[in-house]
Every structure is written in structure tokens, then in C-alpha cells.
Amino acid sequence: MARPRSDEKRSSIMTAAIRIIATHGLRAPTAMIAKEAGVSNGALFLYFTTKADLLNQLYVNLKADMAMAMATEIPAKADLRSQVLHVWNGWLGWAISHPQERRTLAHLGVSNDVTEASHRASNEAYADVEALLGRSRASGAMREAPLLFVASLVAGIVDATVDYMTRDPANAEIHATAGFEALWRFLG
């Protein structure tokens, strides 16, 4: 008879995977993740049937966490700029306070192991942000560009801003403001 699975062990494996992937990349063996989690390599595979399964679930979970930080309590009655600023601040806040998760997502975002189904599932969490991005570019220079292309450019602005905020924390607010102003001009 198989042992019942523990939510605590599953969470430990996911947390360990974040730390290991952020530090060692996607080639890190599952045995390293299992050791970091305090479980046997065999036990890891009781929770995730393959390494690709672990990576896909990790990707979807991290994207959902980031989306929640971005889209929670968007001020519906505020003007468009204020709504975009709210999402911007949520995104920056998540990225600054979750550096390992951000690095792990960067690895997972270019992984061939992350399936199209996982990309689609994670995109569902961004429906409100996607709609806001669509409205904010409606009359701007990017109105005809594919939405995913615009979203990729926005992510690049966020990444550059977070990198500068991290390297120069004394001027983090200045970098955050400059990044947002660049984003707003880009969208509008």
C-alpha cells in the first residue's frame, strides 16, 4: 500500500526546487532537489512523476503567485494610469522580494520542459492584467502590435528596472519611477 502524500513534503520539494534551480539552473539533478528538501530522490517522484512534471507545476505556481501580487485589488474606479501603476508596483514588489523565484522563473520561461499547456494555464491568472494592458495601449503606438509582443516588451522594462533597483537600492524609488514613466510613454 502506498504511503499518503504530505502537503508539507510537497511544499518542501517545491521550495527546494526554487532554491536549487535559482542557484544551479535547470540541469540540477532531482537528487540535489530531494536532498535540499530533506526527502529521498524516490520520494520526490511520489509527488512529481517526472522532473518535467515538477518543473511545469513549479512554473504554474510561481506565475500564479506573481499574478496575484500584480492583480490583487486593482483600483477599478481609478484612471487607467493609476491602474497600470498599481500593477507595476505589485510586479516590482514581488520581483524584489522574491529574487530566487524570479531567477527560477527566468530559467523556466525558456525551458523546453515547460509545456504549452503550462504556459496557457499560467496565462489564465493574468486575464485582468492582460485586459488592462490592452486598454492602456488602445490609442498608443503599440495598439496594432500583438499583445504578447507588447507584454514581452513590458516584461523587459520591468526586468531592467528591478535589476537597477537591486544594484542601487539607495535609489530604488527613482529607478521605479523612471521605469514606470518609460513604460507609460511606451504604452500611451
N, C-alpha and C. Protein backbone atom coordinates (compact mmCIF):
# COMPACT_ATOMS: atom_id res chain seq x y z
N MET A 1 0.85 -1.18 0.00
CA MET A 1 0.00 0.00 0.00
C MET A 1 0.89 1.24 0.00
N ALA A 2 0.56 2.18 -0.87
CA ALA A 2 1.36 3.40 -1.00
C ALA A 2 1.13 4.32 0.20
N ARG A 3 2.17 5.03 0.59
CA ARG A 3 2.07 5.99 1.68
C ARG A 3 1.25 7.20 1.23
N PRO A 4 0.47 7.78 2.15
CA PRO A 4 -0.24 9.00 1.78
C PRO A 4 0.75 10.14 1.57
N ARG A 5 0.44 11.00 0.63
CA ARG A 5 1.31 12.13 0.34
C ARG A 5 1.06 13.25 1.33
N SER A 6 2.12 13.94 1.66
CA SER A 6 2.05 15.03 2.63
C SER A 6 2.16 16.37 1.91
N ASP A 7 1.23 17.29 2.20
CA ASP A 7 1.31 18.63 1.63
C ASP A 7 2.60 19.32 2.06
N GLU A 8 3.04 19.03 3.27
CA GLU A 8 4.27 19.63 3.79
C GLU A 8 5.49 19.19 2.98
N LYS A 9 5.57 17.89 2.66
CA LYS A 9 6.70 17.39 1.86
C LYS A 9 6.64 17.96 0.44
N ARG A 10 5.47 18.01 -0.11
CA ARG A 10 5.31 18.57 -1.46
C ARG A 10 5.78 20.03 -1.47
N SER A 11 5.38 20.78 -0.48
CA SER A 11 5.80 22.18 -0.37
C SER A 11 7.32 22.28 -0.18
N SER A 12 7.88 21.39 0.61
CA SER A 12 9.34 21.38 0.82
C SER A 12 10.08 21.11 -0.49
N ILE A 13 9.53 20.20 -1.29
CA ILE A 13 10.16 19.89 -2.58
C ILE A 13 10.09 21.11 -3.50
N MET A 14 8.94 21.77 -3.54
CA MET A 14 8.79 22.95 -4.40
C MET A 14 9.74 24.06 -3.95
N THR A 15 9.82 24.29 -2.65
CA THR A 15 10.71 25.33 -2.11
C THR A 15 12.17 24.99 -2.41
N ALA A 16 12.53 23.74 -2.25
CA ALA A 16 13.90 23.31 -2.55
C ALA A 16 14.20 23.46 -4.04
N ALA A 17 13.22 23.14 -4.87
CA ALA A 17 13.42 23.27 -6.32
C ALA A 17 13.69 24.73 -6.69
N ILE A 18 12.99 25.65 -6.06
CA ILE A 18 13.22 27.07 -6.32
C ILE A 18 14.66 27.43 -5.98
N ARG A 19 15.10 27.04 -4.78
CA ARG A 19 16.47 27.38 -4.36
C ARG A 19 17.52 26.76 -5.28
N ILE A 20 17.33 25.50 -5.61
CA ILE A 20 18.33 24.78 -6.43
C ILE A 20 18.34 25.32 -7.86
N ILE A 21 17.19 25.49 -8.46
CA ILE A 21 17.13 25.99 -9.84
C ILE A 21 17.66 27.41 -9.93
N ALA A 22 17.33 28.24 -8.95
CA ALA A 22 17.83 29.62 -8.94
C ALA A 22 19.35 29.64 -8.89
N THR A 23 19.93 28.71 -8.18
CA THR A 23 21.38 28.68 -8.00
C THR A 23 22.10 27.88 -9.07
N HIS A 24 21.54 26.73 -9.44
CA HIS A 24 22.25 25.79 -10.34
C HIS A 24 21.62 25.64 -11.72
N GLY A 25 20.48 26.25 -11.94
CA GLY A 25 19.83 26.13 -13.24
C GLY A 25 19.03 24.84 -13.38
N LEU A 26 18.49 24.65 -14.56
CA LEU A 26 17.60 23.53 -14.82
C LEU A 26 18.30 22.19 -14.94
N ARG A 27 19.59 22.21 -15.10
CA ARG A 27 20.33 20.94 -15.21
C ARG A 27 20.60 20.30 -13.85
N ALA A 28 20.26 21.00 -12.80
CA ALA A 28 20.46 20.44 -11.46
C ALA A 28 19.67 19.12 -11.36
N PRO A 29 20.31 18.09 -10.84
CA PRO A 29 19.61 16.80 -10.75
C PRO A 29 18.53 16.80 -9.68
N THR A 30 17.54 15.94 -9.88
CA THR A 30 16.47 15.83 -8.90
C THR A 30 17.01 15.37 -7.55
N ALA A 31 18.10 14.60 -7.55
CA ALA A 31 18.68 14.16 -6.28
C ALA A 31 19.13 15.36 -5.44
N MET A 32 19.62 16.42 -6.09
CA MET A 32 20.03 17.62 -5.38
C MET A 32 18.80 18.33 -4.79
N ILE A 33 17.73 18.37 -5.54
CA ILE A 33 16.49 18.98 -5.06
C ILE A 33 15.95 18.18 -3.89
N ALA A 34 15.93 16.85 -4.03
CA ALA A 34 15.42 15.98 -2.96
C ALA A 34 16.24 16.15 -1.68
N LYS A 35 17.55 16.20 -1.82
CA LYS A 35 18.41 16.37 -0.64
C LYS A 35 18.12 17.70 0.04
N GLU A 36 17.98 18.77 -0.74
CA GLU A 36 17.67 20.09 -0.20
C GLU A 36 16.31 20.07 0.51
N ALA A 37 15.38 19.27 0.01
CA ALA A 37 14.04 19.19 0.59
C ALA A 37 13.99 18.25 1.80
N GLY A 38 15.04 17.47 1.98
CA GLY A 38 15.07 16.53 3.10
C GLY A 38 14.26 15.27 2.84
N VAL A 39 14.15 14.91 1.56
CA VAL A 39 13.46 13.67 1.19
C VAL A 39 14.38 12.85 0.28
N SER A 40 14.03 11.59 0.12
CA SER A 40 14.81 10.76 -0.80
C SER A 40 14.44 11.11 -2.23
N ASN A 41 15.33 10.78 -3.16
CA ASN A 41 15.03 11.03 -4.57
C ASN A 41 13.78 10.26 -4.99
N GLY A 42 13.64 9.04 -4.47
CA GLY A 42 12.45 8.25 -4.77
C GLY A 42 11.18 8.91 -4.26
N ALA A 43 11.27 9.52 -3.07
CA ALA A 43 10.10 10.20 -2.51
C ALA A 43 9.69 11.39 -3.38
N LEU A 44 10.67 12.08 -3.94
CA LEU A 44 10.36 13.20 -4.83
C LEU A 44 9.44 12.72 -5.95
N PHE A 45 9.72 11.54 -6.47
CA PHE A 45 8.93 11.03 -7.60
C PHE A 45 7.58 10.47 -7.18
N LEU A 46 7.31 10.40 -5.88
CA LEU A 46 5.95 10.09 -5.43
C LEU A 46 5.05 11.31 -5.61
N TYR A 47 5.67 12.49 -5.55
CA TYR A 47 4.92 13.75 -5.65
C TYR A 47 4.89 14.30 -7.08
N PHE A 48 5.93 14.02 -7.83
CA PHE A 48 6.06 14.50 -9.20
C PHE A 48 6.53 13.32 -10.03
N THR A 49 5.76 12.93 -11.02
CA THR A 49 6.07 11.71 -11.76
C THR A 49 7.38 11.80 -12.53
N THR A 50 7.72 13.01 -12.99
CA THR A 50 8.98 13.22 -13.71
C THR A 50 9.54 14.58 -13.30
N LYS A 51 10.78 14.82 -13.67
CA LYS A 51 11.36 16.14 -13.42
C LYS A 51 10.57 17.20 -14.20
N ALA A 52 10.16 16.87 -15.41
CA ALA A 52 9.37 17.82 -16.21
C ALA A 52 8.06 18.14 -15.51
N ASP A 53 7.45 17.17 -14.87
CA ASP A 53 6.22 17.42 -14.12
C ASP A 53 6.49 18.42 -12.99
N LEU A 54 7.57 18.23 -12.27
CA LEU A 54 7.96 19.17 -11.21
C LEU A 54 8.16 20.57 -11.78
N LEU A 55 8.89 20.67 -12.88
CA LEU A 55 9.16 21.98 -13.48
C LEU A 55 7.88 22.67 -13.94
N ASN A 56 6.98 21.92 -14.53
CA ASN A 56 5.72 22.50 -15.00
C ASN A 56 4.86 22.98 -13.84
N GLN A 57 4.76 22.19 -12.81
CA GLN A 57 3.97 22.61 -11.66
C GLN A 57 4.60 23.81 -10.96
N LEU A 58 5.90 23.83 -10.89
CA LEU A 58 6.61 24.95 -10.29
C LEU A 58 6.37 26.22 -11.10
N TYR A 59 6.45 26.12 -12.42
CA TYR A 59 6.22 27.26 -13.30
C TYR A 59 4.81 27.83 -13.10
N VAL A 60 3.82 26.97 -13.13
CA VAL A 60 2.43 27.42 -12.98
C VAL A 60 2.23 28.08 -11.61
N ASN A 61 2.78 27.47 -10.56
CA ASN A 61 2.62 28.04 -9.21
C ASN A 61 3.30 29.40 -9.08
N LEU A 62 4.52 29.51 -9.59
CA LEU A 62 5.24 30.78 -9.49
C LEU A 62 4.55 31.88 -10.29
N LYS A 63 4.10 31.54 -11.48
CA LYS A 63 3.39 32.53 -12.29
C LYS A 63 2.09 32.97 -11.60
N ALA A 64 1.40 32.05 -10.95
CA ALA A 64 0.17 32.39 -10.23
C ALA A 64 0.48 33.31 -9.06
N ASP A 65 1.56 33.03 -8.32
CA ASP A 65 1.96 33.89 -7.20
C ASP A 65 2.28 35.31 -7.70
N MET A 66 3.01 35.39 -8.79
CA MET A 66 3.37 36.69 -9.33
C MET A 66 2.12 37.42 -9.82
N ALA A 67 1.23 36.72 -10.49
CA ALA A 67 -0.01 37.35 -10.98
C ALA A 67 -0.85 37.87 -9.82
N MET A 68 -0.89 37.12 -8.74
CA MET A 68 -1.67 37.56 -7.59
C MET A 68 -1.09 38.87 -7.02
N ALA A 69 0.22 38.95 -6.97
CA ALA A 69 0.86 40.18 -6.47
C ALA A 69 0.57 41.37 -7.39
N MET A 70 0.45 41.11 -8.67
CA MET A 70 0.22 42.17 -9.64
C MET A 70 -1.24 42.61 -9.69
N ALA A 71 -2.15 41.67 -9.64
CA ALA A 71 -3.54 41.95 -9.97
C ALA A 71 -4.47 42.08 -8.76
N THR A 72 -3.97 41.85 -7.57
CA THR A 72 -4.82 41.94 -6.40
C THR A 72 -5.22 43.40 -6.15
N GLU A 73 -6.51 43.59 -6.03
CA GLU A 73 -7.08 44.89 -5.68
C GLU A 73 -6.71 46.02 -6.65
N ILE A 74 -6.73 45.73 -7.95
CA ILE A 74 -6.55 46.81 -8.93
C ILE A 74 -7.70 47.79 -8.71
N PRO A 75 -7.37 49.06 -8.52
CA PRO A 75 -8.43 50.03 -8.22
C PRO A 75 -9.33 50.29 -9.44
N ALA A 76 -10.45 49.61 -9.49
CA ALA A 76 -11.34 49.63 -10.66
C ALA A 76 -11.85 51.02 -11.01
N LYS A 77 -12.03 51.88 -10.02
CA LYS A 77 -12.58 53.21 -10.28
C LYS A 77 -11.50 54.25 -10.56
N ALA A 78 -10.25 53.85 -10.46
CA ALA A 78 -9.15 54.78 -10.72
C ALA A 78 -8.95 54.94 -12.22
N ASP A 79 -8.24 55.99 -12.61
CA ASP A 79 -7.94 56.17 -14.03
C ASP A 79 -6.96 55.09 -14.49
N LEU A 80 -6.84 54.96 -15.79
CA LEU A 80 -6.04 53.91 -16.40
C LEU A 80 -4.58 53.95 -15.93
N ARG A 81 -4.00 55.13 -15.87
CA ARG A 81 -2.60 55.27 -15.44
C ARG A 81 -2.42 54.76 -14.02
N SER A 82 -3.34 55.07 -13.14
CA SER A 82 -3.26 54.62 -11.75
C SER A 82 -3.41 53.10 -11.65
N GLN A 83 -4.25 52.53 -12.49
CA GLN A 83 -4.41 51.08 -12.50
C GLN A 83 -3.12 50.40 -12.97
N VAL A 84 -2.53 50.94 -14.03
CA VAL A 84 -1.27 50.36 -14.54
C VAL A 84 -0.17 50.53 -13.49
N LEU A 85 -0.13 51.68 -12.83
CA LEU A 85 0.86 51.91 -11.77
C LEU A 85 0.68 50.90 -10.64
N HIS A 86 -0.54 50.59 -10.30
CA HIS A 86 -0.81 49.59 -9.25
C HIS A 86 -0.22 48.23 -9.64
N VAL A 87 -0.47 47.82 -10.88
CA VAL A 87 0.06 46.54 -11.36
C VAL A 87 1.59 46.60 -11.39
N TRP A 88 2.15 47.70 -11.87
CA TRP A 88 3.59 47.91 -11.91
C TRP A 88 4.19 47.74 -10.51
N ASN A 89 3.63 48.42 -9.54
CA ASN A 89 4.16 48.34 -8.18
C ASN A 89 4.05 46.94 -7.60
N GLY A 90 2.95 46.25 -7.90
CA GLY A 90 2.81 44.86 -7.45
C GLY A 90 3.86 43.95 -8.06
N TRP A 91 4.12 44.15 -9.35
CA TRP A 91 5.11 43.34 -10.06
C TRP A 91 6.51 43.61 -9.51
N LEU A 92 6.86 44.88 -9.37
CA LEU A 92 8.18 45.22 -8.82
C LEU A 92 8.31 44.68 -7.40
N GLY A 93 7.28 44.86 -6.59
CA GLY A 93 7.34 44.38 -5.21
C GLY A 93 7.57 42.89 -5.14
N TRP A 94 6.86 42.13 -5.97
CA TRP A 94 7.04 40.68 -5.99
C TRP A 94 8.46 40.34 -6.43
N ALA A 95 8.93 40.96 -7.49
CA ALA A 95 10.26 40.63 -8.03
C ALA A 95 11.38 40.96 -7.04
N ILE A 96 11.26 42.08 -6.37
CA ILE A 96 12.29 42.49 -5.40
C ILE A 96 12.27 41.57 -4.18
N SER A 97 11.09 41.19 -3.73
CA SER A 97 11.00 40.38 -2.51
C SER A 97 11.11 38.88 -2.77
N HIS A 98 11.17 38.47 -4.02
CA HIS A 98 11.29 37.05 -4.38
C HIS A 98 12.40 36.84 -5.41
N PRO A 99 13.63 37.17 -5.08
CA PRO A 99 14.69 37.07 -6.09
C PRO A 99 14.95 35.64 -6.58
N GLN A 100 14.86 34.65 -5.69
CA GLN A 100 15.08 33.27 -6.14
C GLN A 100 13.95 32.82 -7.06
N GLU A 101 12.74 33.19 -6.72
CA GLU A 101 11.61 32.82 -7.56
C GLU A 101 11.72 33.49 -8.93
N ARG A 102 12.17 34.73 -8.93
CA ARG A 102 12.35 35.46 -10.20
C ARG A 102 13.40 34.77 -11.07
N ARG A 103 14.52 34.39 -10.47
CA ARG A 103 15.56 33.68 -11.24
C ARG A 103 15.05 32.34 -11.73
N THR A 104 14.32 31.63 -10.88
CA THR A 104 13.77 30.34 -11.28
C THR A 104 12.80 30.51 -12.45
N LEU A 105 11.94 31.51 -12.38
CA LEU A 105 11.02 31.76 -13.49
C LEU A 105 11.76 32.10 -14.78
N ALA A 106 12.87 32.82 -14.66
CA ALA A 106 13.66 33.13 -15.85
C ALA A 106 14.18 31.85 -16.50
N HIS A 107 14.62 30.91 -15.68
CA HIS A 107 15.08 29.62 -16.22
C HIS A 107 13.91 28.85 -16.83
N LEU A 108 12.81 28.78 -16.09
CA LEU A 108 11.66 28.00 -16.55
C LEU A 108 11.02 28.61 -17.79
N GLY A 109 11.07 29.92 -17.91
CA GLY A 109 10.45 30.60 -19.04
C GLY A 109 11.05 30.24 -20.38
N VAL A 110 12.29 29.77 -20.38
CA VAL A 110 12.95 29.38 -21.63
C VAL A 110 13.18 27.87 -21.72
N SER A 111 12.59 27.14 -20.80
CA SER A 111 12.78 25.69 -20.77
C SER A 111 11.87 24.99 -21.77
N ASN A 112 12.43 24.04 -22.48
CA ASN A 112 11.63 23.21 -23.38
C ASN A 112 10.79 22.20 -22.61
N ASP A 113 11.09 22.02 -21.31
CA ASP A 113 10.31 21.10 -20.49
C ASP A 113 8.97 21.69 -20.07
N VAL A 114 8.87 23.01 -20.05
CA VAL A 114 7.61 23.64 -19.68
C VAL A 114 6.70 23.59 -20.91
N THR A 115 5.59 22.93 -20.74
CA THR A 115 4.70 22.66 -21.87
C THR A 115 3.84 23.86 -22.24
N GLU A 116 3.30 23.80 -23.43
CA GLU A 116 2.37 24.82 -23.89
C GLU A 116 1.14 24.86 -22.98
N ALA A 117 0.73 23.71 -22.49
CA ALA A 117 -0.41 23.66 -21.57
C ALA A 117 -0.10 24.42 -20.28
N SER A 118 1.12 24.32 -19.79
CA SER A 118 1.51 25.06 -18.58
C SER A 118 1.56 26.56 -18.86
N HIS A 119 2.04 26.93 -20.02
CA HIS A 119 2.05 28.36 -20.40
C HIS A 119 0.61 28.89 -20.47
N ARG A 120 -0.28 28.13 -21.09
CA ARG A 120 -1.68 28.55 -21.19
C ARG A 120 -2.31 28.64 -19.80
N ALA A 121 -2.06 27.64 -18.96
CA ALA A 121 -2.64 27.63 -17.61
C ALA A 121 -2.15 28.83 -16.80
N SER A 122 -0.88 29.15 -16.92
CA SER A 122 -0.35 30.28 -16.16
C SER A 122 -0.87 31.60 -16.71
N ASN A 123 -1.14 31.68 -18.00
CA ASN A 123 -1.66 32.91 -18.59
C ASN A 123 -3.07 33.23 -18.12
N GLU A 124 -3.82 32.23 -17.72
CA GLU A 124 -5.18 32.45 -17.23
C GLU A 124 -5.18 33.35 -16.00
N ALA A 125 -4.14 33.25 -15.18
CA ALA A 125 -4.05 34.07 -13.97
C ALA A 125 -3.84 35.55 -14.29
N TYR A 126 -3.46 35.84 -15.52
CA TYR A 126 -3.15 37.21 -15.93
C TYR A 126 -4.27 37.87 -16.73
N ALA A 127 -5.46 37.32 -16.69
CA ALA A 127 -6.56 37.86 -17.51
C ALA A 127 -6.82 39.33 -17.22
N ASP A 128 -6.86 39.72 -15.95
CA ASP A 128 -7.12 41.12 -15.60
C ASP A 128 -5.98 42.03 -16.05
N VAL A 129 -4.75 41.55 -15.89
CA VAL A 129 -3.58 42.34 -16.30
C VAL A 129 -3.56 42.46 -17.82
N GLU A 130 -3.88 41.38 -18.50
CA GLU A 130 -3.92 41.39 -19.97
C GLU A 130 -4.96 42.39 -20.48
N ALA A 131 -6.13 42.39 -19.86
CA ALA A 131 -7.18 43.32 -20.26
C ALA A 131 -6.74 44.76 -20.01
N LEU A 132 -6.10 45.00 -18.89
CA LEU A 132 -5.59 46.33 -18.57
C LEU A 132 -4.52 46.76 -19.57
N LEU A 133 -3.64 45.86 -19.92
CA LEU A 133 -2.61 46.16 -20.91
C LEU A 133 -3.25 46.49 -22.26
N GLY A 134 -4.27 45.74 -22.63
CA GLY A 134 -4.98 46.01 -23.88
C GLY A 134 -5.61 47.40 -23.89
N ARG A 135 -6.26 47.77 -22.78
CA ARG A 135 -6.89 49.10 -22.70
C ARG A 135 -5.85 50.21 -22.69
N SER A 136 -4.72 49.96 -22.02
CA SER A 136 -3.72 51.03 -21.89
C SER A 136 -2.97 51.31 -23.18
N ARG A 137 -2.97 50.39 -24.10
CA ARG A 137 -2.26 50.61 -25.37
C ARG A 137 -3.22 50.93 -26.52
N ALA A 138 -4.49 51.02 -26.23
CA ALA A 138 -5.52 51.16 -27.26
C ALA A 138 -5.32 52.33 -28.19
N SER A 139 -4.80 53.44 -27.71
CA SER A 139 -4.62 54.61 -28.58
C SER A 139 -3.15 54.97 -28.77
N GLY A 140 -2.27 54.11 -28.33
CA GLY A 140 -0.84 54.39 -28.42
C GLY A 140 -0.17 53.75 -29.62
N ALA A 141 1.11 53.94 -29.69
CA ALA A 141 1.91 53.44 -30.82
C ALA A 141 1.89 51.91 -30.91
N MET A 142 1.64 51.22 -29.80
CA MET A 142 1.67 49.75 -29.79
C MET A 142 0.29 49.13 -29.99
N ARG A 143 -0.69 49.91 -30.38
CA ARG A 143 -2.07 49.41 -30.49
C ARG A 143 -2.22 48.29 -31.52
N GLU A 144 -1.40 48.28 -32.55
CA GLU A 144 -1.51 47.26 -33.60
C GLU A 144 -0.58 46.06 -33.36
N ALA A 145 0.34 46.19 -32.43
CA ALA A 145 1.30 45.11 -32.17
C ALA A 145 0.60 43.97 -31.44
N PRO A 146 1.04 42.74 -31.68
CA PRO A 146 0.44 41.61 -30.96
C PRO A 146 0.61 41.80 -29.44
N LEU A 147 -0.43 41.45 -28.70
CA LEU A 147 -0.44 41.67 -27.26
C LEU A 147 0.72 40.95 -26.57
N LEU A 148 1.03 39.73 -26.98
CA LEU A 148 2.13 39.01 -26.34
C LEU A 148 3.48 39.68 -26.61
N PHE A 149 3.63 40.29 -27.77
CA PHE A 149 4.84 41.05 -28.07
C PHE A 149 4.95 42.25 -27.13
N VAL A 150 3.84 42.97 -26.96
CA VAL A 150 3.82 44.13 -26.06
C VAL A 150 4.11 43.68 -24.63
N ALA A 151 3.50 42.57 -24.22
CA ALA A 151 3.73 42.04 -22.87
C ALA A 151 5.20 41.68 -22.66
N SER A 152 5.85 41.14 -23.69
CA SER A 152 7.28 40.82 -23.59
C SER A 152 8.12 42.08 -23.43
N LEU A 153 7.75 43.12 -24.16
CA LEU A 153 8.47 44.39 -24.02
C LEU A 153 8.27 44.99 -22.62
N VAL A 154 7.06 44.89 -22.11
CA VAL A 154 6.77 45.37 -20.76
C VAL A 154 7.61 44.59 -19.76
N ALA A 155 7.67 43.27 -19.91
CA ALA A 155 8.48 42.44 -19.00
C ALA A 155 9.95 42.87 -19.06
N GLY A 156 10.44 43.24 -20.22
CA GLY A 156 11.82 43.72 -20.35
C GLY A 156 12.05 45.01 -19.58
N ILE A 157 11.07 45.90 -19.62
CA ILE A 157 11.18 47.15 -18.85
C ILE A 157 11.17 46.85 -17.36
N VAL A 158 10.30 45.93 -16.95
CA VAL A 158 10.26 45.53 -15.54
C VAL A 158 11.59 44.92 -15.12
N ASP A 159 12.12 44.01 -15.91
CA ASP A 159 13.39 43.35 -15.57
C ASP A 159 14.51 44.36 -15.44
N ALA A 160 14.61 45.29 -16.37
CA ALA A 160 15.66 46.31 -16.31
C ALA A 160 15.49 47.16 -15.05
N THR A 161 14.27 47.52 -14.73
CA THR A 161 14.01 48.33 -13.55
C THR A 161 14.38 47.58 -12.27
N VAL A 162 13.96 46.33 -12.17
CA VAL A 162 14.27 45.52 -10.99
C VAL A 162 15.78 45.35 -10.85
N ASP A 163 16.46 45.12 -11.96
CA ASP A 163 17.92 44.98 -11.91
C ASP A 163 18.57 46.23 -11.35
N TYR A 164 18.13 47.39 -11.80
CA TYR A 164 18.71 48.64 -11.29
C TYR A 164 18.33 48.89 -9.84
N MET A 165 17.11 48.56 -9.47
CA MET A 165 16.69 48.73 -8.08
C MET A 165 17.52 47.83 -7.16
N THR A 166 17.82 46.64 -7.62
CA THR A 166 18.60 45.68 -6.83
C THR A 166 20.05 46.13 -6.70
N ARG A 167 20.61 46.62 -7.79
CA ARG A 167 22.01 47.07 -7.78
C ARG A 167 22.22 48.38 -7.03
N ASP A 168 21.20 49.21 -7.01
CA ASP A 168 21.31 50.54 -6.42
C ASP A 168 20.11 50.80 -5.50
N PRO A 169 20.03 50.06 -4.37
CA PRO A 169 18.85 50.17 -3.52
C PRO A 169 18.64 51.57 -2.94
N ALA A 170 19.69 52.35 -2.79
CA ALA A 170 19.53 53.71 -2.27
C ALA A 170 18.68 54.57 -3.21
N ASN A 171 18.68 54.23 -4.48
CA ASN A 171 17.90 54.99 -5.47
C ASN A 171 16.77 54.15 -6.08
N ALA A 172 16.32 53.14 -5.36
CA ALA A 172 15.31 52.22 -5.89
C ALA A 172 14.04 52.95 -6.31
N GLU A 173 13.59 53.90 -5.50
CA GLU A 173 12.36 54.62 -5.85
C GLU A 173 12.54 55.44 -7.13
N ILE A 174 13.71 56.03 -7.29
CA ILE A 174 13.99 56.80 -8.51
C ILE A 174 13.94 55.88 -9.73
N HIS A 175 14.55 54.70 -9.61
CA HIS A 175 14.54 53.74 -10.72
C HIS A 175 13.13 53.24 -11.01
N ALA A 176 12.36 52.98 -9.94
CA ALA A 176 10.98 52.51 -10.12
C ALA A 176 10.14 53.56 -10.84
N THR A 177 10.31 54.80 -10.45
CA THR A 177 9.55 55.89 -11.10
C THR A 177 9.98 56.07 -12.55
N ALA A 178 11.28 56.06 -12.80
CA ALA A 178 11.78 56.21 -14.17
C ALA A 178 11.30 55.06 -15.06
N GLY A 179 11.34 53.85 -14.51
CA GLY A 179 10.87 52.69 -15.27
C GLY A 179 9.40 52.80 -15.61
N PHE A 180 8.60 53.24 -14.63
CA PHE A 180 7.17 53.38 -14.90
C PHE A 180 6.90 54.47 -15.94
N GLU A 181 7.60 55.57 -15.83
CA GLU A 181 7.40 56.65 -16.81
C GLU A 181 7.76 56.17 -18.22
N ALA A 182 8.83 55.39 -18.34
CA ALA A 182 9.20 54.83 -19.65
C ALA A 182 8.10 53.89 -20.14
N LEU A 183 7.59 53.06 -19.25
CA LEU A 183 6.52 52.14 -19.61
C LEU A 183 5.26 52.90 -20.06
N TRP A 184 4.90 53.92 -19.31
CA TRP A 184 3.68 54.65 -19.63
C TRP A 184 3.81 55.36 -20.98
N ARG A 185 4.97 55.95 -21.24
CA ARG A 185 5.18 56.60 -22.54
C ARG A 185 5.15 55.56 -23.67
N PHE A 186 5.70 54.41 -23.41
CA PHE A 186 5.72 53.31 -24.38
C PHE A 186 4.31 52.85 -24.70
N LEU A 187 3.49 52.70 -23.68
CA LEU A 187 2.13 52.23 -23.90
C LEU A 187 1.23 53.28 -24.54
N GLY A 188 1.33 54.52 -24.04
CA GLY A 188 0.44 55.59 -24.48
C GLY A 188 0.90 56.18 -25.76
